[in-house]
Structures are given as structure tokens and as C-alpha cells.
PDB file of N, CA and C in Angstrom:
ATOM      1  N   MET A   1      -8.819 -16.428 -22.764  1.00  0.00           N
ATOM      2  CA  MET A   1      -8.496 -17.423 -22.990  1.00  0.00           C
ATOM      3  C   MET A   1      -6.693 -17.249 -22.363  1.00  0.00           C
ATOM      4  N   SER A   2      -6.297 -17.347 -22.390  1.00  0.00           N
ATOM      5  CA  SER A   2      -5.062 -17.166 -21.236  1.00  0.00           C
ATOM      6  C   SER A   2      -4.826 -16.729 -20.071  1.00  0.00           C
ATOM      7  N   PHE A   3      -5.720 -16.130 -20.194  1.00  0.00           N
ATOM      8  CA  PHE A   3      -5.998 -15.313 -18.768  1.00  0.00           C
ATOM      9  C   PHE A   3      -6.730 -16.272 -17.695  1.00  0.00           C
ATOM     10  N   LEU A   4      -7.722 -17.337 -18.059  1.00  0.00           N
ATOM     11  CA  LEU A   4      -8.231 -18.761 -17.970  1.00  0.00           C
ATOM     12  C   LEU A   4      -7.402 -19.704 -17.374  1.00  0.00           C
ATOM     13  N   LYS A   5      -5.965 -19.675 -18.611  1.00  0.00           N
ATOM     14  CA  LYS A   5      -5.002 -21.101 -17.734  1.00  0.00           C
ATOM     15  C   LYS A   5      -3.997 -19.669 -16.941  1.00  0.00           C
ATOM     16  N   LYS A   6      -3.775 -19.028 -16.888  1.00  0.00           N
ATOM     17  CA  LYS A   6      -3.349 -18.646 -15.321  1.00  0.00           C
ATOM     18  C   LYS A   6      -3.635 -18.504 -14.414  1.00  0.00           C
ATOM     19  N   LEU A   7      -5.853 -18.596 -14.578  1.00  0.00           N
ATOM     20  CA  LEU A   7      -5.854 -18.455 -13.243  1.00  0.00           C
ATOM     21  C   LEU A   7      -6.112 -19.620 -13.067  1.00  0.00           C
ATOM     22  N   PHE A   8      -6.552 -21.340 -13.263  1.00  0.00           N
ATOM     23  CA  PHE A   8      -6.260 -22.375 -13.094  1.00  0.00           C
ATOM     24  C   PHE A   8      -5.085 -23.250 -13.410  1.00  0.00           C
ATOM     25  N   GLY A   9      -3.810 -22.670 -13.502  1.00  0.00           N
ATOM     26  CA  GLY A   9      -2.831 -22.619 -13.661  1.00  0.00           C
ATOM     27  C   GLY A   9      -2.506 -24.048 -14.605  1.00  0.00           C
ATOM     28  N   GLY A  10      -3.463 -23.613 -16.137  1.00  0.00           N
ATOM     29  CA  GLY A  10      -2.925 -24.404 -17.547  1.00  0.00           C
ATOM     30  C   GLY A  10      -1.609 -23.745 -18.278  1.00  0.00           C
ATOM     31  N   SER A  11      -1.131 -23.093 -17.559  1.00  0.00           N
ATOM     32  CA  SER A  11       0.277 -22.673 -18.475  1.00  0.00           C
ATOM     33  C   SER A  11       0.305 -23.229 -18.543  1.00  0.00           C
ATOM     34  N   GLY A  12       1.161 -24.200 -17.164  1.00  0.00           N
ATOM     35  CA  GLY A  12       2.394 -25.618 -17.985  1.00  0.00           C
ATOM     36  C   GLY A  12       3.562 -24.805 -17.271  1.00  0.00           C
ATOM     37  N   SER A  13       4.117 -23.731 -16.449  1.00  0.00           N
ATOM     38  CA  SER A  13       4.790 -23.336 -16.441  1.00  0.00           C
ATOM     39  C   SER A  13       4.951 -23.093 -14.819  1.00  0.00           C
ATOM     40  N   GLN A  14       6.372 -22.896 -14.139  1.00  0.00           N
ATOM     41  CA  GLN A  14       6.030 -22.332 -12.633  1.00  0.00           C
ATOM     42  C   GLN A  14       6.017 -21.034 -12.968  1.00  0.00           C
ATOM     43  N   ALA A  15       5.557 -19.928 -11.780  1.00  0.00           N
ATOM     44  CA  ALA A  15       5.739 -18.926 -10.852  1.00  0.00           C
ATOM     45  C   ALA A  15       6.545 -18.737 -11.031  1.00  0.00           C
ATOM     46  N   SER A  16       7.995 -17.819 -11.403  1.00  0.00           N
ATOM     47  CA  SER A  16       8.828 -17.120 -10.889  1.00  0.00           C
ATOM     48  C   SER A  16       8.645 -16.144 -10.105  1.00  0.00           C
ATOM     49  N   GLY A  17       9.550 -15.998  -9.382  1.00  0.00           N
ATOM     50  CA  GLY A  17      10.327 -15.039  -8.279  1.00  0.00           C
ATOM     51  C   GLY A  17      10.673 -13.753  -8.282  1.00  0.00           C
ATOM     52  N   PRO A  18      10.950 -13.246  -8.196  1.00  0.00           N
ATOM     53  CA  PRO A  18      11.864 -12.157  -8.709  1.00  0.00           C
ATOM     54  C   PRO A  18      13.068 -12.500  -8.724  1.00  0.00           C
ATOM     55  N   LYS A  19      14.192 -11.452  -9.775  1.00  0.00           N
ATOM     56  CA  LYS A  19      15.815 -11.923 -10.191  1.00  0.00           C
ATOM     57  C   LYS A  19      16.510 -11.762  -8.444  1.00  0.00           C
ATOM     58  N   PHE A  20      17.456 -12.214  -8.607  1.00  0.00           N
ATOM     59  CA  PHE A  20      18.390 -12.025  -8.116  1.00  0.00           C
ATOM     60  C   PHE A  20      20.357 -11.349  -8.212  1.00  0.00           C
ATOM     61  N   ASP A  21      20.657 -10.525  -7.969  1.00  0.00           N
ATOM     62  CA  ASP A  21      22.170 -11.063  -8.658  1.00  0.00           C
ATOM     63  C   ASP A  21      23.044 -12.074  -7.715  1.00  0.00           C
ATOM     64  N   ALA A  22      23.553 -12.946  -8.776  1.00  0.00           N
ATOM     65  CA  ALA A  22      24.560 -14.262  -7.582  1.00  0.00           C
ATOM     66  C   ALA A  22      25.538 -13.382  -7.288  1.00  0.00           C
ATOM     67  N   VAL A  23      26.392 -14.548  -5.765  1.00  0.00           N
ATOM     68  CA  VAL A  23      27.188 -14.053  -5.332  1.00  0.00           C
ATOM     69  C   VAL A  23      28.183 -14.643  -4.950  1.00  0.00           C
ATOM     70  N   GLU A  24      29.425 -14.402  -4.736  1.00  0.00           N
ATOM     71  CA  GLU A  24      30.485 -15.309  -5.017  1.00  0.00           C
ATOM     72  C   GLU A  24      30.695 -15.451  -3.192  1.00  0.00           C
ATOM     73  N   HIS A  25      31.447 -16.830  -3.074  1.00  0.00           N
ATOM     74  CA  HIS A  25      31.639 -16.929  -1.362  1.00  0.00           C
ATOM     75  C   HIS A  25      32.658 -17.960  -1.690  1.00  0.00           C
ATOM     76  N   ASP A  26      34.272 -18.916  -1.992  1.00  0.00           N
ATOM     77  CA  ASP A  26      35.253 -19.269  -1.651  1.00  0.00           C
ATOM     78  C   ASP A  26      35.376 -19.991  -2.768  1.00  0.00           C
ATOM     79  N   GLY A  27      35.206 -19.576  -4.014  1.00  0.00           N
ATOM     80  CA  GLY A  27      34.825 -19.791  -5.253  1.00  0.00           C
ATOM     81  C   GLY A  27      34.432 -19.953  -5.885  1.00  0.00           C
ATOM     82  N   HIS A  28      33.378 -20.679  -5.301  1.00  0.00           N
ATOM     83  CA  HIS A  28      31.695 -21.091  -5.564  1.00  0.00           C
ATOM     84  C   HIS A  28      30.569 -19.839  -5.637  1.00  0.00           C
ATOM     85  N   LEU A  29      29.362 -19.876  -6.904  1.00  0.00           N
ATOM     86  CA  LEU A  29      28.368 -18.567  -7.185  1.00  0.00           C
ATOM     87  C   LEU A  29      27.318 -19.364  -6.338  1.00  0.00           C
ATOM     88  N   ILE A  30      26.623 -17.977  -5.936  1.00  0.00           N
ATOM     89  CA  ILE A  30      25.379 -18.649  -5.304  1.00  0.00           C
ATOM     90  C   ILE A  30      24.424 -17.476  -5.831  1.00  0.00           C
ATOM     91  N   THR A  31      23.440 -18.551  -6.754  1.00  0.00           N
ATOM     92  CA  THR A  31      22.665 -17.212  -7.588  1.00  0.00           C
ATOM     93  C   THR A  31      20.602 -18.017  -6.140  1.00  0.00           C
ATOM     94  N   PRO A  32      20.584 -17.008  -5.443  1.00  0.00           N
ATOM     95  CA  PRO A  32      19.313 -16.789  -5.041  1.00  0.00           C
ATOM     96  C   PRO A  32      17.807 -16.896  -5.956  1.00  0.00           C
ATOM     97  N   GLN A  33      17.106 -18.134  -5.605  1.00  0.00           N
ATOM     98  CA  GLN A  33      16.297 -17.823  -6.213  1.00  0.00           C
ATOM     99  C   GLN A  33      14.740 -17.837  -5.840  1.00  0.00           C
ATOM    100  N   PRO A  34      14.090 -17.393  -4.801  1.00  0.00           N
ATOM    101  CA  PRO A  34      13.028 -18.151  -3.765  1.00  0.00           C
ATOM    102  C   PRO A  34      11.488 -17.875  -4.685  1.00  0.00           C
ATOM    103  N   MET A  35      11.377 -18.984  -4.182  1.00  0.00           N
ATOM    104  CA  MET A  35      10.118 -19.985  -5.031  1.00  0.00           C
ATOM    105  C   MET A  35       9.317 -18.538  -4.093  1.00  0.00           C
ATOM    106  N   PRO A  36       7.765 -18.739  -5.182  1.00  0.00           N
ATOM    107  CA  PRO A  36       6.833 -18.199  -4.254  1.00  0.00           C
ATOM    108  C   PRO A  36       5.589 -19.351  -3.656  1.00  0.00           C
ATOM    109  N   GLU A  37       5.744 -19.031  -3.071  1.00  0.00           N
ATOM    110  CA  GLU A  37       4.050 -19.605  -2.487  1.00  0.00           C
ATOM    111  C   GLU A  37       3.525 -19.762  -1.319  1.00  0.00           C
ATOM    112  N   ASN A  38       2.082 -20.101  -1.642  1.00  0.00           N
ATOM    113  CA  ASN A  38       0.978 -19.553  -1.606  1.00  0.00           C
ATOM    114  C   ASN A  38       1.367 -17.795  -0.223  1.00  0.00           C
ATOM    115  N   GLY A  39       1.859 -16.733  -1.332  1.00  0.00           N
ATOM    116  CA  GLY A  39       2.175 -15.896  -0.824  1.00  0.00           C
ATOM    117  C   GLY A  39       3.425 -15.911   0.211  1.00  0.00           C
ATOM    118  N   GLN A  40       3.912 -16.518   0.116  1.00  0.00           N
ATOM    119  CA  GLN A  40       5.252 -16.185   0.996  1.00  0.00           C
ATOM    120  C   GLN A  40       6.103 -17.169   0.035  1.00  0.00           C
ATOM    121  N   PHE A  41       7.872 -17.078   0.298  1.00  0.00           N
ATOM    122  CA  PHE A  41       8.337 -17.326  -0.175  1.00  0.00           C
ATOM    123  C   PHE A  41       9.416 -18.391   0.299  1.00  0.00           C
ATOM    124  N   ARG A  42       9.409 -19.877  -0.716  1.00  0.00           N
ATOM    125  CA  ARG A  42      10.187 -20.447   0.479  1.00  0.00           C
ATOM    126  C   ARG A  42      11.709 -20.070  -0.401  1.00  0.00           C
ATOM    127  N   LEU A  43      12.657 -20.901   0.634  1.00  0.00           N
ATOM    128  CA  LEU A  43      14.451 -20.785   0.336  1.00  0.00           C
ATOM    129  C   LEU A  43      14.962 -21.345  -1.083  1.00  0.00           C
ATOM    130  N   GLN A  44      15.576 -21.318  -1.219  1.00  0.00           N
ATOM    131  CA  GLN A  44      15.737 -21.793  -3.331  1.00  0.00           C
ATOM    132  C   GLN A  44      17.371 -20.532  -3.316  1.00  0.00           C
ATOM    133  N   ALA A  45      18.328 -21.830  -3.901  1.00  0.00           N
ATOM    134  CA  ALA A  45      19.305 -21.373  -4.707  1.00  0.00           C
ATOM    135  C   ALA A  45      19.739 -22.119  -4.914  1.00  0.00           C
ATOM    136  N   THR A  46      20.817 -21.600  -6.367  1.00  0.00           N
ATOM    137  CA  THR A  46      21.287 -22.659  -7.124  1.00  0.00           C
ATOM    138  C   THR A  46      22.832 -22.143  -6.678  1.00  0.00           C
ATOM    139  N   VAL A  47      23.528 -23.075  -6.971  1.00  0.00           N
ATOM    140  CA  VAL A  47      25.156 -23.215  -6.763  1.00  0.00           C
ATOM    141  C   VAL A  47      26.199 -23.803  -7.351  1.00  0.00           C
ATOM    142  N   SER A  48      26.823 -23.269  -8.065  1.00  0.00           N
ATOM    143  CA  SER A  48      27.683 -23.836  -9.181  1.00  0.00           C
ATOM    144  C   SER A  48      29.537 -22.867  -8.094  1.00  0.00           C
ATOM    145  N   LYS A  49      30.011 -23.709  -9.167  1.00  0.00           N
ATOM    146  CA  LYS A  49      31.290 -23.883  -9.382  1.00  0.00           C
ATOM    147  C   LYS A  49      31.958 -24.241 -10.944  1.00  0.00           C
ATOM    148  N   GLU A  50      32.955 -23.524 -11.170  1.00  0.00           N
ATOM    149  CA  GLU A  50      33.823 -24.332 -12.929  1.00  0.00           C
ATOM    150  C   GLU A  50      35.609 -25.714 -12.254  1.00  0.00           C
ATOM    151  N   VAL A  51      34.655 -26.594 -11.945  1.00  0.00           N
ATOM    152  CA  VAL A  51      35.432 -27.879 -11.246  1.00  0.00           C
ATOM    153  C   VAL A  51      35.893 -28.673 -13.135  1.00  0.00           C
ATOM    154  N   SER A  52      37.785 -28.510 -12.855  1.00  0.00           N
ATOM    155  CA  SER A  52      38.117 -29.191 -14.457  1.00  0.00           C
ATOM    156  C   SER A  52      37.334 -28.937 -15.477  1.00  0.00           C
ATOM    157  N   GLY A  53      37.609 -27.349 -16.044  1.00  0.00           N
ATOM    158  CA  GLY A  53      36.376 -26.786 -17.111  1.00  0.00           C
ATOM    159  C   GLY A  53      35.485 -26.908 -17.526  1.00  0.00           C
ATOM    160  N   GLU A  54      34.971 -27.564 -16.611  1.00  0.00           N
ATOM    161  CA  GLU A  54      33.055 -27.992 -16.485  1.00  0.00           C
ATOM    162  C   GLU A  54      32.217 -28.026 -15.528  1.00  0.00           C
ATOM    163  N   THR A  55      30.977 -26.850 -15.850  1.00  0.00           N
ATOM    164  CA  THR A  55      30.204 -26.141 -14.498  1.00  0.00           C
ATOM    165  C   THR A  55      29.206 -27.220 -14.040  1.00  0.00           C
ATOM    166  N   LYS A  56      30.062 -27.056 -12.309  1.00  0.00           N
ATOM    167  CA  LYS A  56      28.853 -27.888 -11.522  1.00  0.00           C
ATOM    168  C   LYS A  56      28.168 -27.400 -10.930  1.00  0.00           C
ATOM    169  N   GLU A  57      26.780 -27.650 -10.791  1.00  0.00           N
ATOM    170  CA  GLU A  57      25.446 -27.098 -10.802  1.00  0.00           C
ATOM    171  C   GLU A  57      25.297 -27.892  -9.269  1.00  0.00           C
ATOM    172  N   HIS A  58      24.226 -27.106  -8.168  1.00  0.00           N
ATOM    173  CA  HIS A  58      24.461 -27.837  -6.987  1.00  0.00           C
ATOM    174  C   HIS A  58      22.238 -27.098  -6.711  1.00  0.00           C
ATOM    175  N   ARG A  59      21.747 -27.137  -6.375  1.00  0.00           N
ATOM    176  CA  ARG A  59      20.676 -26.933  -6.590  1.00  0.00           C
ATOM    177  C   ARG A  59      20.252 -26.526  -4.764  1.00  0.00           C
ATOM    178  N   LEU A  60      20.068 -26.023  -4.095  1.00  0.00           N
ATOM    179  CA  LEU A  60      19.668 -25.470  -2.850  1.00  0.00           C
ATOM    180  C   LEU A  60      18.543 -25.233  -2.769  1.00  0.00           C
ATOM    181  N   ILE A  61      17.358 -26.245  -2.179  1.00  0.00           N
ATOM    182  CA  ILE A  61      15.952 -25.755  -1.688  1.00  0.00           C
ATOM    183  C   ILE A  61      15.844 -26.516   0.524  1.00  0.00           C
ATOM    184  N   ARG A  62      14.943 -25.869   0.634  1.00  0.00           N
ATOM    185  CA  ARG A  62      14.433 -25.584   1.959  1.00  0.00           C
ATOM    186  C   ARG A  62      12.970 -25.061   2.068  1.00  0.00           C
ATOM    187  N   ALA A  63      12.724 -26.195   3.146  1.00  0.00           N
ATOM    188  CA  ALA A  63      11.150 -25.779   3.853  1.00  0.00           C
ATOM    189  C   ALA A  63      10.552 -23.953   4.571  1.00  0.00           C
ATOM    190  N   ASP A  64      12.460 -23.607   5.152  1.00  0.00           N
ATOM    191  CA  ASP A  64      11.658 -22.478   5.124  1.00  0.00           C
ATOM    192  C   ASP A  64      11.745 -21.325   4.069  1.00  0.00           C
ATOM    193  N   VAL A  65       9.993 -20.907   4.700  1.00  0.00           N
ATOM    194  CA  VAL A  65       9.302 -19.386   4.089  1.00  0.00           C
ATOM    195  C   VAL A  65       9.393 -18.770   3.976  1.00  0.00           C
ATOM    196  N   PHE A  66       9.381 -17.388   4.008  1.00  0.00           N
ATOM    197  CA  PHE A  66      10.137 -16.098   4.673  1.00  0.00           C
ATOM    198  C   PHE A  66       8.583 -15.315   3.656  1.00  0.00           C
ATOM    199  N   PRO A  67       8.651 -14.464   4.562  1.00  0.00           N
ATOM    200  CA  PRO A  67       7.286 -13.234   3.744  1.00  0.00           C
ATOM    201  C   PRO A  67       7.986 -12.182   2.747  1.00  0.00           C
ATOM    202  N   SER A  68       8.805 -12.456   2.782  1.00  0.00           N
ATOM    203  CA  SER A  68       9.198 -11.153   1.560  1.00  0.00           C
ATOM    204  C   SER A  68      10.832 -12.740   0.899  1.00  0.00           C
ATOM    205  N   ALA A  69      10.641 -11.864  -0.888  1.00  0.00           N
ATOM    206  CA  ALA A  69      11.358 -12.054  -1.092  1.00  0.00           C
ATOM    207  C   ALA A  69      13.037 -12.060  -1.201  1.00  0.00           C
ATOM    208  N   GLU A  70      13.329 -11.023  -0.697  1.00  0.00           N
ATOM    209  CA  GLU A  70      14.485 -10.066  -0.567  1.00  0.00           C
ATOM    210  C   GLU A  70      14.910 -11.424   1.163  1.00  0.00           C
ATOM    211  N   GLU A  71      14.199 -11.374   2.066  1.00  0.00           N
ATOM    212  CA  GLU A  71      13.761 -12.103   3.052  1.00  0.00           C
ATOM    213  C   GLU A  71      14.364 -12.899   2.855  1.00  0.00           C
ATOM    214  N   ALA A  72      13.865 -14.260   1.995  1.00  0.00           N
ATOM    215  CA  ALA A  72      14.198 -15.330   1.377  1.00  0.00           C
ATOM    216  C   ALA A  72      15.758 -15.445   0.936  1.00  0.00           C
ATOM    217  N   ALA A  73      16.090 -14.468  -0.079  1.00  0.00           N
ATOM    218  CA  ALA A  73      17.298 -14.730  -0.807  1.00  0.00           C
ATOM    219  C   ALA A  73      18.409 -14.336   0.562  1.00  0.00           C
ATOM    220  N   GLU A  74      18.089 -13.432   1.345  1.00  0.00           N
ATOM    221  CA  GLU A  74      19.039 -13.027   2.569  1.00  0.00           C
ATOM    222  C   GLU A  74      20.286 -14.399   3.468  1.00  0.00           C
ATOM    223  N   PHE A  75      18.415 -14.685   3.611  1.00  0.00           N
ATOM    224  CA  PHE A  75      18.785 -15.977   4.300  1.00  0.00           C
ATOM    225  C   PHE A  75      19.062 -17.015   3.238  1.00  0.00           C
ATOM    226  N   ALA A  76      18.720 -17.662   1.872  1.00  0.00           N
ATOM    227  CA  ALA A  76      19.110 -18.511   1.389  1.00  0.00           C
ATOM    228  C   ALA A  76      20.735 -18.596   0.777  1.00  0.00           C
ATOM    229  N   ILE A  77      20.875 -16.791   0.952  1.00  0.00           N
ATOM    230  CA  ILE A  77      23.184 -16.609   0.590  1.00  0.00           C
ATOM    231  C   ILE A  77      23.542 -17.293   2.420  1.00  0.00           C
ATOM    232  N   ARG A  78      23.048 -16.904   2.727  1.00  0.00           N
ATOM    233  CA  ARG A  78      23.316 -17.512   4.488  1.00  0.00           C
ATOM    234  C   ARG A  78      23.647 -19.100   4.554  1.00  0.00           C
ATOM    235  N   LYS A  79      22.915 -19.772   3.736  1.00  0.00           N
ATOM    236  CA  LYS A  79      22.327 -21.328   3.772  1.00  0.00           C
ATOM    237  C   LYS A  79      23.699 -21.865   3.180  1.00  0.00           C
ATOM    238  N   ALA A  80      23.990 -21.093   1.781  1.00  0.00           N
ATOM    239  CA  ALA A  80      24.251 -21.296   1.103  1.00  0.00           C
ATOM    240  C   ALA A  80      25.967 -21.005   1.335  1.00  0.00           C
ATOM    241  N   LYS A  81      25.976 -20.652   1.969  1.00  0.00           N
ATOM    242  CA  LYS A  81      28.125 -20.403   2.351  1.00  0.00           C
ATOM    243  C   LYS A  81      28.270 -21.460   3.140  1.00  0.00           C
ATOM    244  N   LEU A  82      27.012 -21.618   4.131  1.00  0.00           N
ATOM    245  CA  LEU A  82      27.578 -22.439   5.596  1.00  0.00           C
ATOM    246  C   LEU A  82      27.529 -23.498   4.400  1.00  0.00           C
ATOM    247  N   LEU A  83      26.883 -24.076   3.772  1.00  0.00           N
ATOM    248  CA  LEU A  83      27.066 -25.190   2.934  1.00  0.00           C
ATOM    249  C   LEU A  83      28.269 -25.872   2.606  1.00  0.00           C
ATOM    250  N   ILE A  84      28.213 -24.324   1.528  1.00  0.00           N
ATOM    251  CA  ILE A  84      29.834 -24.684   1.388  1.00  0.00           C
ATOM    252  C   ILE A  84      30.991 -24.145   1.902  1.00  0.00           C
ATOM    253  N   ASP A  85      31.159 -24.042   3.123  1.00  0.00           N
ATOM    254  CA  ASP A  85      31.876 -24.056   3.725  1.00  0.00           C
ATOM    255  C   ASP A  85      32.134 -25.108   4.986  1.00  0.00           C
ATOM    256  N   GLN A  86      30.501 -26.102   4.847  1.00  0.00           N
ATOM    257  CA  GLN A  86      30.579 -27.576   5.462  1.00  0.00           C
ATOM    258  C   GLN A  86      30.979 -28.301   4.516  1.00  0.00           C
ATOM    259  N   GLN A  87      30.882 -28.495   3.240  1.00  0.00           N
ATOM    260  CA  GLN A  87      30.951 -29.763   1.436  1.00  0.00           C
ATOM    261  C   GLN A  87      31.353 -28.958   1.240  1.00  0.00           C
ATOM    262  N   GLY A  88      32.016 -28.073   0.843  1.00  0.00           N
ATOM    263  CA  GLY A  88      33.357 -27.483  -0.257  1.00  0.00           C
ATOM    264  C   GLY A  88      33.017 -28.344  -1.861  1.00  0.00           C
ATOM    265  N   ASP A  89      34.202 -28.979  -2.528  1.00  0.00           N
ATOM    266  CA  ASP A  89      33.617 -29.063  -3.470  1.00  0.00           C
ATOM    267  C   ASP A  89      32.732 -30.634  -3.284  1.00  0.00           C
ATOM    268  N   ARG A  90      32.910 -31.253  -2.635  1.00  0.00           N
ATOM    269  CA  ARG A  90      31.847 -32.684  -1.942  1.00  0.00           C
ATOM    270  C   ARG A  90      30.516 -31.874  -2.541  1.00  0.00           C
ATOM    271  N   LEU A  91      29.715 -30.855  -2.159  1.00  0.00           N
ATOM    272  CA  LEU A  91      28.409 -30.162  -3.084  1.00  0.00           C
ATOM    273  C   LEU A  91      28.419 -31.028  -4.060  1.00  0.00           C
ATOM    274  N   TYR A  92      29.491 -31.358  -5.095  1.00  0.00           N
ATOM    275  CA  TYR A  92      28.930 -31.558  -6.414  1.00  0.00           C
ATOM    276  C   TYR A  92      29.440 -32.647  -6.598  1.00  0.00           C
ATOM    277  N   SER A  93      29.135 -33.715  -5.674  1.00  0.00           N
ATOM    278  CA  SER A  93      29.902 -35.646  -6.246  1.00  0.00           C
ATOM    279  C   SER A  93      28.272 -36.287  -5.876  1.00  0.00           C
TER     280      SER A  93
END
């Protein structure tokens, strides 16, 4: 039965891609999370930082898709660094 649920999407959970280590940039933690989509991987990451004793988080999802999870993770880190450089702590407002 679980095979049929997986085959027809009845499991209720989203498929997750490979796991990547977080990267620190200017006090922010970037965790790439490429999202599998139609045989490719969508650019996705979580950017977080501790602000006033509370962990703030921003989810970065873009329309960009890549043939491999590694490439999607690499570009997610690059985009997140750019976003941090442009927005700084305003990212969490």
C-alpha cells in the first residue's frame, strides 16, 4: 500500500532533496536546500541569524532550476550572499 501512496503522491509530504552543510556569511547562516522538481532542482535556501537572542529566519526560493542538486546549492549560496550584502538585517523585518 505505501508503494501506491508514494507512486500517486498520497504520502502527504514533499520530497526532499539531498542535504548540504550550512555556510556562514557576515554573521548569517545559509543552508542550501535544493528542491527536486520534474527531474531538476529548484534554487532554495534558508538564511538565519540570531538577533537580540532570537533566531530569525528567511526562506529564499527562486524560479531558477538546475540539472543537479549541487549546482542548485552552489547558486543558492551565491544568491543568499548577495541578498545578505544588499539587505543585511532588514532581511528579517
